[in-house]
Amino acid sequence: RDMRGSRMAMVFQDPMRSLNPVLTVGRQLTEV
């Protein structure tokens, strides 16, 4: 999990299925 967050990352085809719909964009960015 630490490796995925820091040294490797993935962008998926459908962002609506990847982003949490009940959290703000700011919350999802700052959590990372």
Full PDB file with SEQRES, HELIX, SHEET, SSBOND, CRYST1, ORIGX, SCALE, CONECT and MASTER records, all heavy atoms in Angstrom:
SEQRES   1 A   32  ARG ASP MET ARG GLY SER ARG MET ALA MET VAL PHE GLN          
SEQRES   2 A   32  ASP PRO MET ARG SER LEU ASN PRO VAL LEU THR VAL GLY          
SEQRES   3 A   32  ARG GLN LEU THR GLU VAL                                      
HELIX    1 AA1 ASP A    2  SER A    6  1                                   5    
HELIX    2 AA2 PRO A   15  SER A   18  1                                   4    
HELIX    3 AA3 VAL A   25  GLU A   31  1                                   7    
CRYST1    1.000    1.000    1.000  90.00  90.00  90.00 P 1           1          
ORIGX1      1.000000  0.000000  0.000000        0.00000                         
ORIGX2      0.000000  1.000000  0.000000        0.00000                         
ORIGX3      0.000000  0.000000  1.000000        0.00000                         
SCALE1      1.000000  0.000000  0.000000        0.00000                         
SCALE2      0.000000  1.000000  0.000000        0.00000                         
SCALE3      0.000000  0.000000  1.000000        0.00000                         
ATOM      1  N   ARG A   1       0.836  -1.208   0.000  1.00  0.00           N  
ATOM      2  CA  ARG A   1       0.000   0.000   0.000  1.00  0.00           C  
ATOM      3  C   ARG A   1       0.866   1.251   0.000  1.00  0.00           C  
ATOM      4  O   ARG A   1       0.551   2.238  -0.678  1.00  0.00           O  
ATOM      5  CB  ARG A   1      -0.942  -0.007   1.206  1.00  0.00           C  
ATOM      6  CG  ARG A   1      -2.155  -0.913   1.027  1.00  0.00           C  
ATOM      7  CD  ARG A   1      -3.223  -0.614   2.067  1.00  0.00           C  
ATOM      8  NE  ARG A   1      -2.759  -0.903   3.419  1.00  0.00           N  
ATOM      9  CZ  ARG A   1      -2.914  -2.067   4.032  1.00  0.00           C  
ATOM     10  NH1 ARG A   1      -3.522  -3.065   3.408  1.00  0.00           N  
ATOM     11  NH2 ARG A   1      -2.473  -2.249   5.264  1.00  0.00           N  
ATOM     12  N   ASP A   2       1.943   1.232   0.763  1.00  0.00           N  
ATOM     13  CA  ASP A   2       2.859   2.371   0.767  1.00  0.00           C  
ATOM     14  C   ASP A   2       3.524   2.540  -0.597  1.00  0.00           C  
ATOM     15  O   ASP A   2       3.705   3.669  -1.070  1.00  0.00           O  
ATOM     16  CB  ASP A   2       3.932   2.178   1.845  1.00  0.00           C  
ATOM     17  CG  ASP A   2       3.372   2.280   3.252  1.00  0.00           C  
ATOM     18  OD1 ASP A   2       2.298   2.891   3.418  1.00  0.00           O  
ATOM     19  OD2 ASP A   2       3.997   1.739   4.187  1.00  0.00           O  
ATOM     20  N   MET A   3       3.872   1.427  -1.219  1.00  0.00           N  
ATOM     21  CA  MET A   3       4.501   1.480  -2.539  1.00  0.00           C  
ATOM     22  C   MET A   3       3.550   2.080  -3.577  1.00  0.00           C  
ATOM     23  O   MET A   3       3.934   2.932  -4.388  1.00  0.00           O  
ATOM     24  CB  MET A   3       4.918   0.064  -2.959  1.00  0.00           C  
ATOM     25  CG  MET A   3       5.404  -0.067  -4.397  1.00  0.00           C  
ATOM     26  SD  MET A   3       7.043   0.628  -4.686  1.00  0.00           S  
ATOM     27  CE  MET A   3       8.041  -0.791  -4.221  1.00  0.00           C  
ATOM     28  N   ARG A   4       2.276   1.668  -3.549  1.00  0.00           N  
ATOM     29  CA  ARG A   4       1.295   2.193  -4.507  1.00  0.00           C  
ATOM     30  C   ARG A   4       1.108   3.697  -4.336  1.00  0.00           C  
ATOM     31  O   ARG A   4       0.900   4.422  -5.302  1.00  0.00           O  
ATOM     32  CB  ARG A   4      -0.051   1.503  -4.327  1.00  0.00           C  
ATOM     33  CG  ARG A   4      -0.092   0.061  -4.786  1.00  0.00           C  
ATOM     34  CD  ARG A   4      -1.531  -0.435  -4.854  1.00  0.00           C  
ATOM     35  NE  ARG A   4      -1.585  -1.883  -4.752  1.00  0.00           N  
ATOM     36  CZ  ARG A   4      -1.931  -2.555  -3.660  1.00  0.00           C  
ATOM     37  NH1 ARG A   4      -2.276  -1.883  -2.565  1.00  0.00           N  
ATOM     38  NH2 ARG A   4      -1.946  -3.863  -3.648  1.00  0.00           N  
ATOM     39  N   GLY A   5       1.139   4.162  -3.119  1.00  0.00           N  
ATOM     40  CA  GLY A   5       0.897   5.589  -2.893  1.00  0.00           C  
ATOM     41  C   GLY A   5       2.083   6.459  -3.198  1.00  0.00           C  
ATOM     42  O   GLY A   5       1.922   7.650  -3.481  1.00  0.00           O  
ATOM     43  N   SER A   6       3.292   5.894  -3.162  1.00  0.00           N  
ATOM     44  CA  SER A   6       4.468   6.740  -3.268  1.00  0.00           C  
ATOM     45  C   SER A   6       5.269   6.514  -4.552  1.00  0.00           C  
ATOM     46  O   SER A   6       5.653   7.471  -5.223  1.00  0.00           O  
ATOM     47  CB  SER A   6       5.388   6.519  -2.062  1.00  0.00           C  
ATOM     48  OG  SER A   6       5.744   5.144  -1.950  1.00  0.00           O  
ATOM     49  N   ARG A   7       5.514   5.269  -4.936  1.00  0.00           N  
ATOM     50  CA  ARG A   7       6.427   4.998  -6.053  1.00  0.00           C  
ATOM     51  C   ARG A   7       5.733   4.484  -7.310  1.00  0.00           C  
ATOM     52  O   ARG A   7       6.337   4.450  -8.380  1.00  0.00           O  
ATOM     53  CB  ARG A   7       7.509   4.016  -5.606  1.00  0.00           C  
ATOM     54  CG  ARG A   7       8.449   4.635  -4.570  1.00  0.00           C  
ATOM     55  CD  ARG A   7       9.252   3.617  -3.814  1.00  0.00           C  
ATOM     56  NE  ARG A   7      10.174   2.890  -4.670  1.00  0.00           N  
ATOM     57  CZ  ARG A   7      10.931   1.880  -4.226  1.00  0.00           C  
ATOM     58  NH1 ARG A   7      10.845   1.496  -2.966  1.00  0.00           N  
ATOM     59  NH2 ARG A   7      11.751   1.260  -5.049  1.00  0.00           N  
ATOM     60  N   MET A   8       4.492   4.054  -7.192  1.00  0.00           N  
ATOM     61  CA  MET A   8       3.751   3.616  -8.366  1.00  0.00           C  
ATOM     62  C   MET A   8       2.287   4.006  -8.212  1.00  0.00           C  
ATOM     63  O   MET A   8       1.758   4.023  -7.097  1.00  0.00           O  
ATOM     64  CB  MET A   8       3.912   2.101  -8.563  1.00  0.00           C  
ATOM     65  CG  MET A   8       3.533   1.271  -7.377  1.00  0.00           C  
ATOM     66  SD  MET A   8       4.148  -0.452  -7.427  1.00  0.00           S  
ATOM     67  CE  MET A   8       3.448  -1.072  -8.947  1.00  0.00           C  
ATOM     68  N   ALA A   9       1.649   4.365  -9.312  1.00  0.00           N  
ATOM     69  CA  ALA A   9       0.266   4.828  -9.262  1.00  0.00           C  
ATOM     70  C   ALA A   9      -0.418   4.443 -10.565  1.00  0.00           C  
ATOM     71  O   ALA A   9       0.228   4.203 -11.581  1.00  0.00           O  
ATOM     72  CB  ALA A   9       0.210   6.338  -9.061  1.00  0.00           C  
ATOM     73  N   MET A  10      -1.762   4.421 -10.508  1.00  0.00           N  
ATOM     74  CA  MET A  10      -2.530   4.001 -11.671  1.00  0.00           C  
ATOM     75  C   MET A  10      -3.722   4.935 -11.872  1.00  0.00           C  
ATOM     76  O   MET A  10      -4.384   5.321 -10.899  1.00  0.00           O  
ATOM     77  CB  MET A  10      -3.005   2.556 -11.503  1.00  0.00           C  
ATOM     78  CG  MET A  10      -3.703   1.968 -12.715  1.00  0.00           C  
ATOM     79  SD  MET A  10      -3.855   0.163 -12.559  1.00  0.00           S  
ATOM     80  CE  MET A  10      -4.799  -0.204 -14.048  1.00  0.00           C  
ATOM     81  N   VAL A  11      -3.987   5.292 -13.121  1.00  0.00           N  
ATOM     82  CA  VAL A  11      -5.159   6.069 -13.500  1.00  0.00           C  
ATOM     83  C   VAL A  11      -6.096   5.135 -14.254  1.00  0.00           C  
ATOM     84  O   VAL A  11      -5.714   4.565 -15.283  1.00  0.00           O  
ATOM     85  CB  VAL A  11      -4.790   7.268 -14.392  1.00  0.00           C  
ATOM     86  CG1 VAL A  11      -6.041   8.049 -14.778  1.00  0.00           C  
ATOM     87  CG2 VAL A  11      -3.793   8.175 -13.695  1.00  0.00           C  
ATOM     88  N   PHE A  12      -7.315   4.982 -13.739  1.00  0.00           N  
ATOM     89  CA  PHE A  12      -8.256   4.044 -14.331  1.00  0.00           C  
ATOM     90  C   PHE A  12      -9.104   4.715 -15.393  1.00  0.00           C  
ATOM     91  O   PHE A  12      -9.195   5.940 -15.477  1.00  0.00           O  
ATOM     92  CB  PHE A  12      -9.144   3.434 -13.238  1.00  0.00           C  
ATOM     93  CG  PHE A  12      -8.383   2.626 -12.225  1.00  0.00           C  
ATOM     94  CD1 PHE A  12      -7.899   3.231 -11.065  1.00  0.00           C  
ATOM     95  CD2 PHE A  12      -8.125   1.286 -12.432  1.00  0.00           C  
ATOM     96  CE1 PHE A  12      -7.187   2.507 -10.137  1.00  0.00           C  
ATOM     97  CE2 PHE A  12      -7.411   0.552 -11.500  1.00  0.00           C  
ATOM     98  CZ  PHE A  12      -6.946   1.154 -10.356  1.00  0.00           C  
ATOM     99  N   GLN A  13      -9.772   3.887 -16.198  1.00  0.00           N  
ATOM    100  CA  GLN A  13     -10.547   4.387 -17.326  1.00  0.00           C  
ATOM    101  C   GLN A  13     -11.750   5.207 -16.891  1.00  0.00           C  
ATOM    102  O   GLN A  13     -12.058   6.227 -17.488  1.00  0.00           O  
ATOM    103  CB  GLN A  13     -11.006   3.212 -18.193  1.00  0.00           C  
ATOM    104  CG  GLN A  13     -11.829   3.627 -19.399  1.00  0.00           C  
ATOM    105  CD  GLN A  13     -12.179   2.446 -20.287  1.00  0.00           C  
ATOM    106  OE1 GLN A  13     -11.759   1.330 -20.049  1.00  0.00           O  
ATOM    107  NE2 GLN A  13     -12.950   2.708 -21.320  1.00  0.00           N  
ATOM    108  N   ASP A  14     -12.441   4.786 -15.856  1.00  0.00           N  
ATOM    109  CA  ASP A  14     -13.691   5.438 -15.438  1.00  0.00           C  
ATOM    110  C   ASP A  14     -13.491   6.142 -14.097  1.00  0.00           C  
ATOM    111  O   ASP A  14     -13.527   5.499 -13.045  1.00  0.00           O  
ATOM    112  CB  ASP A  14     -14.811   4.399 -15.325  1.00  0.00           C  
ATOM    113  CG  ASP A  14     -16.165   5.039 -15.033  1.00  0.00           C  
ATOM    114  OD1 ASP A  14     -16.213   6.267 -14.846  1.00  0.00           O  
ATOM    115  OD2 ASP A  14     -17.164   4.294 -14.982  1.00  0.00           O  
ATOM    116  N   PRO A  15     -13.278   7.460 -14.092  1.00  0.00           N  
ATOM    117  CA  PRO A  15     -13.020   8.154 -12.831  1.00  0.00           C  
ATOM    118  C   PRO A  15     -14.206   8.151 -11.878  1.00  0.00           C  
ATOM    119  O   PRO A  15     -14.029   8.223 -10.669  1.00  0.00           O  
ATOM    120  CB  PRO A  15     -12.662   9.582 -13.267  1.00  0.00           C  
ATOM    121  CG  PRO A  15     -13.274   9.735 -14.618  1.00  0.00           C  
ATOM    122  CD  PRO A  15     -13.223   8.369 -15.242  1.00  0.00           C  
ATOM    123  N   MET A  16     -15.429   8.046 -12.389  1.00  0.00           N  
ATOM    124  CA  MET A  16     -16.595   8.041 -11.499  1.00  0.00           C  
ATOM    125  C   MET A  16     -16.635   6.772 -10.654  1.00  0.00           C  
ATOM    126  O   MET A  16     -17.209   6.766  -9.564  1.00  0.00           O  
ATOM    127  CB  MET A  16     -17.884   8.176 -12.308  1.00  0.00           C  
ATOM    128  CG  MET A  16     -18.273   9.620 -12.594  1.00  0.00           C  
ATOM    129  SD  MET A  16     -18.394  10.670 -11.129  1.00  0.00           S  
ATOM    130  CE  MET A  16     -19.940  10.099 -10.428  1.00  0.00           C  
ATOM    131  N   ARG A  17     -16.036   5.702 -11.130  1.00  0.00           N  
ATOM    132  CA  ARG A  17     -15.976   4.466 -10.351  1.00  0.00           C  
ATOM    133  C   ARG A  17     -14.742   4.429  -9.464  1.00  0.00           C  
ATOM    134  O   ARG A  17     -14.640   3.575  -8.591  1.00  0.00           O  
ATOM    135  CB  ARG A  17     -15.996   3.257 -11.291  1.00  0.00           C  
ATOM    136  CG  ARG A  17     -17.270   3.129 -12.100  1.00  0.00           C  
ATOM    137  CD  ARG A  17     -17.229   1.947 -13.035  1.00  0.00           C  
ATOM    138  NE  ARG A  17     -17.094   0.675 -12.312  1.00  0.00           N  
ATOM    139  CZ  ARG A  17     -16.992  -0.504 -12.907  1.00  0.00           C  
ATOM    140  NH1 ARG A  17     -16.986  -0.583 -14.229  1.00  0.00           N  
ATOM    141  NH2 ARG A  17     -16.893  -1.605 -12.199  1.00  0.00           N  
ATOM    142  N   SER A  18     -13.800   5.321  -9.705  1.00  0.00           N  
ATOM    143  CA  SER A  18     -12.563   5.331  -8.928  1.00  0.00           C  
ATOM    144  C   SER A  18     -12.584   6.383  -7.823  1.00  0.00           C  
ATOM    145  O   SER A  18     -11.959   6.196  -6.781  1.00  0.00           O  
ATOM    146  CB  SER A  18     -11.371   5.590  -9.861  1.00  0.00           C  
ATOM    147  OG  SER A  18     -11.335   4.646 -10.904  1.00  0.00           O  
ATOM    148  N   LEU A  19     -13.273   7.490  -8.073  1.00  0.00           N  
ATOM    149  CA  LEU A  19     -13.390   8.529  -7.054  1.00  0.00           C  
ATOM    150  C   LEU A  19     -14.548   8.199  -6.115  1.00  0.00           C  
ATOM    151  O   LEU A  19     -15.577   7.675  -6.547  1.00  0.00           O  
ATOM    152  CB  LEU A  19     -13.624   9.883  -7.709  1.00  0.00           C  
ATOM    153  CG  LEU A  19     -12.467  10.441  -8.543  1.00  0.00           C  
ATOM    154  CD1 LEU A  19     -12.922  11.650  -9.340  1.00  0.00           C  
ATOM    155  CD2 LEU A  19     -11.285  10.790  -7.646  1.00  0.00           C  
ATOM    156  N   ASN A  20     -14.379   8.527  -4.843  1.00  0.00           N  
ATOM    157  CA  ASN A  20     -15.440   8.286  -3.864  1.00  0.00           C  
ATOM    158  C   ASN A  20     -16.506   9.368  -4.015  1.00  0.00           C  
ATOM    159  O   ASN A  20     -16.221  10.556  -3.831  1.00  0.00           O  
ATOM    160  CB  ASN A  20     -14.862   8.313  -2.450  1.00  0.00           C  
ATOM    161  CG  ASN A  20     -15.839   7.810  -1.410  1.00  0.00           C  
ATOM    162  OD1 ASN A  20     -17.032   8.062  -1.494  1.00  0.00           O  
ATOM    163  ND2 ASN A  20     -15.335   7.102  -0.408  1.00  0.00           N  
ATOM    164  N   PRO A  21     -17.751   9.004  -4.345  1.00  0.00           N  
ATOM    165  CA  PRO A  21     -18.777  10.021  -4.630  1.00  0.00           C  
ATOM    166  C   PRO A  21     -19.233  10.811  -3.408  1.00  0.00           C  
ATOM    167  O   PRO A  21     -19.839  11.875  -3.561  1.00  0.00           O  
ATOM    168  CB  PRO A  21     -19.936   9.207  -5.209  1.00  0.00           C  
ATOM    169  CG  PRO A  21     -19.765   7.830  -4.632  1.00  0.00           C  
ATOM    170  CD  PRO A  21     -18.279   7.632  -4.517  1.00  0.00           C  
ATOM    171  N   VAL A  22     -18.975  10.321  -2.188  1.00  0.00           N  
ATOM    172  CA  VAL A  22     -19.462  11.000  -0.987  1.00  0.00           C  
ATOM    173  C   VAL A  22     -18.374  11.807  -0.288  1.00  0.00           C  
ATOM    174  O   VAL A  22     -18.614  12.374   0.776  1.00  0.00           O  
ATOM    175  CB  VAL A  22     -20.090   9.996   0.003  1.00  0.00           C  
ATOM    176  CG1 VAL A  22     -21.251   9.278  -0.640  1.00  0.00           C  
ATOM    177  CG2 VAL A  22     -19.064   9.003   0.518  1.00  0.00           C  
ATOM    178  N   LEU A  23     -17.176  11.870  -0.881  1.00  0.00           N  
ATOM    179  CA  LEU A  23     -16.093  12.676  -0.317  1.00  0.00           C  
ATOM    180  C   LEU A  23     -15.724  13.775  -1.304  1.00  0.00           C  
ATOM    181  O   LEU A  23     -15.738  13.563  -2.521  1.00  0.00           O  
ATOM    182  CB  LEU A  23     -14.857  11.821  -0.031  1.00  0.00           C  
ATOM    183  CG  LEU A  23     -14.990  10.718   1.021  1.00  0.00           C  
ATOM    184  CD1 LEU A  23     -13.670   9.981   1.171  1.00  0.00           C  
ATOM    185  CD2 LEU A  23     -15.436  11.300   2.364  1.00  0.00           C  
ATOM    186  N   THR A  24     -15.386  14.946  -0.793  1.00  0.00           N  
ATOM    187  CA  THR A  24     -14.974  16.037  -1.669  1.00  0.00           C  
ATOM    188  C   THR A  24     -13.654  15.682  -2.352  1.00  0.00           C  
ATOM    189  O   THR A  24     -12.878  14.849  -1.871  1.00  0.00           O  
ATOM    190  CB  THR A  24     -14.791  17.344  -0.895  1.00  0.00           C  
ATOM    191  OG1 THR A  24     -13.712  17.191   0.037  1.00  0.00           O  
ATOM    192  CG2 THR A  24     -16.073  17.732  -0.173  1.00  0.00           C  
ATOM    193  N   VAL A  25     -13.408  16.353  -3.464  1.00  0.00           N  
ATOM    194  CA  VAL A  25     -12.143  16.162  -4.168  1.00  0.00           C  
ATOM    195  C   VAL A  25     -10.975  16.539  -3.269  1.00  0.00           C  
ATOM    196  O   VAL A  25      -9.937  15.864  -3.234  1.00  0.00           O  
ATOM    197  CB  VAL A  25     -12.153  16.992  -5.469  1.00  0.00           C  
ATOM    198  CG1 VAL A  25     -10.749  17.149  -6.024  1.00  0.00           C  
ATOM    199  CG2 VAL A  25     -13.074  16.351  -6.496  1.00  0.00           C  
ATOM    200  N   GLY A  26     -11.141  17.631  -2.503  1.00  0.00           N  
ATOM    201  CA  GLY A  26     -10.076  18.044  -1.594  1.00  0.00           C  
ATOM    202  C   GLY A  26      -9.769  16.991  -0.550  1.00  0.00           C  
ATOM    203  O   GLY A  26      -8.596  16.728  -0.236  1.00  0.00           O  
ATOM    204  N   ARG A  27     -10.802  16.370  -0.002  1.00  0.00           N  
ATOM    205  CA  ARG A  27     -10.602  15.321   1.003  1.00  0.00           C  
ATOM    206  C   ARG A  27      -9.825  14.142   0.410  1.00  0.00           C  
ATOM    207  O   ARG A  27      -8.905  13.603   1.039  1.00  0.00           O  
ATOM    208  CB  ARG A  27     -11.963  14.863   1.521  1.00  0.00           C  
ATOM    209  CG  ARG A  27     -11.940  13.633   2.421  1.00  0.00           C  
ATOM    210  CD  ARG A  27     -11.461  13.951   3.827  1.00  0.00           C  
ATOM    211  NE  ARG A  27     -11.479  12.743   4.661  1.00  0.00           N  
ATOM    212  CZ  ARG A  27     -12.566  12.278   5.296  1.00  0.00           C  
ATOM    213  NH1 ARG A  27     -13.722  12.932   5.205  1.00  0.00           N  
ATOM    214  NH2 ARG A  27     -12.496  11.188   6.027  1.00  0.00           N  
ATOM    215  N   GLN A  28     -10.179  13.762  -0.806  1.00  0.00           N  
ATOM    216  CA  GLN A  28      -9.523  12.612  -1.423  1.00  0.00           C  
ATOM    217  C   GLN A  28      -8.066  12.906  -1.777  1.00  0.00           C  
ATOM    218  O   GLN A  28      -7.204  12.031  -1.683  1.00  0.00           O  
ATOM    219  CB  GLN A  28     -10.315  12.165  -2.657  1.00  0.00           C  
ATOM    220  CG  GLN A  28     -11.699  11.652  -2.280  1.00  0.00           C  
ATOM    221  CD  GLN A  28     -12.519  11.174  -3.455  1.00  0.00           C  
ATOM    222  OE1 GLN A  28     -12.150  10.212  -4.115  1.00  0.00           O  
ATOM    223  NE2 GLN A  28     -13.643  11.835  -3.723  1.00  0.00           N  
ATOM    224  N   LEU A  29      -7.789  14.139  -2.176  1.00  0.00           N  
ATOM    225  CA  LEU A  29      -6.410  14.520  -2.474  1.00  0.00           C  
ATOM    226  C   LEU A  29      -5.566  14.641  -1.210  1.00  0.00           C  
ATOM    227  O   LEU A  29      -4.444  14.129  -1.139  1.00  0.00           O  
ATOM    228  CB  LEU A  29      -6.403  15.852  -3.226  1.00  0.00           C  
ATOM    229  CG  LEU A  29      -6.189  15.813  -4.739  1.00  0.00           C  
ATOM    230  CD1 LEU A  29      -6.414  17.193  -5.335  1.00  0.00           C  
ATOM    231  CD2 LEU A  29      -4.809  15.310  -5.081  1.00  0.00           C  
ATOM    232  N   THR A  30      -6.098  15.311  -0.204  1.00  0.00           N  
ATOM    233  CA  THR A  30      -5.306  15.538   1.007  1.00  0.00           C  
ATOM    234  C   THR A  30      -5.083  14.254   1.793  1.00  0.00           C  
ATOM    235  O   THR A  30      -4.055  14.116   2.476  1.00  0.00           O  
ATOM    236  CB  THR A  30      -5.973  16.600   1.901  1.00  0.00           C  
ATOM    237  OG1 THR A  30      -7.323  16.208   2.197  1.00  0.00           O  
ATOM    238  CG2 THR A  30      -5.978  17.964   1.222  1.00  0.00           C  
ATOM    239  N   GLU A  31      -6.007  13.298   1.717  1.00  0.00           N  
ATOM    240  CA  GLU A  31      -5.803  12.018   2.407  1.00  0.00           C  
ATOM    241  C   GLU A  31      -4.559  11.307   1.880  1.00  0.00           C  
ATOM    242  O   GLU A  31      -3.783  10.738   2.648  1.00  0.00           O  
ATOM    243  CB  GLU A  31      -7.035  11.122   2.255  1.00  0.00           C  
ATOM    244  CG  GLU A  31      -8.119  11.403   3.268  1.00  0.00           C  
ATOM    245  CD  GLU A  31      -9.207  10.341   3.254  1.00  0.00           C  
ATOM    246  OE1 GLU A  31      -9.180   9.460   2.358  1.00  0.00           O  
ATOM    247  OE2 GLU A  31     -10.085  10.386   4.128  1.00  0.00           O  
ATOM    248  N   VAL A  32      -4.387  11.343   0.563  1.00  0.00           N  
ATOM    249  CA  VAL A  32      -3.201  10.730  -0.042  1.00  0.00           C  
ATOM    250  C   VAL A  32      -1.940  11.409   0.468  1.00  0.00           C  
ATOM    251  O   VAL A  32      -0.959  10.753   0.850  1.00  0.00           O  
ATOM    252  CB  VAL A  32      -3.282  10.826  -1.582  1.00  0.00           C  
ATOM    253  CG1 VAL A  32      -1.984  10.338  -2.225  1.00  0.00           C  
ATOM    254  CG2 VAL A  32      -4.457  10.025  -2.105  1.00  0.00           C  
TER     255      VAL A  32                                                      
MASTER        0    0    0    3    0    0    0    6  254    1    0    3          
END                                                                             
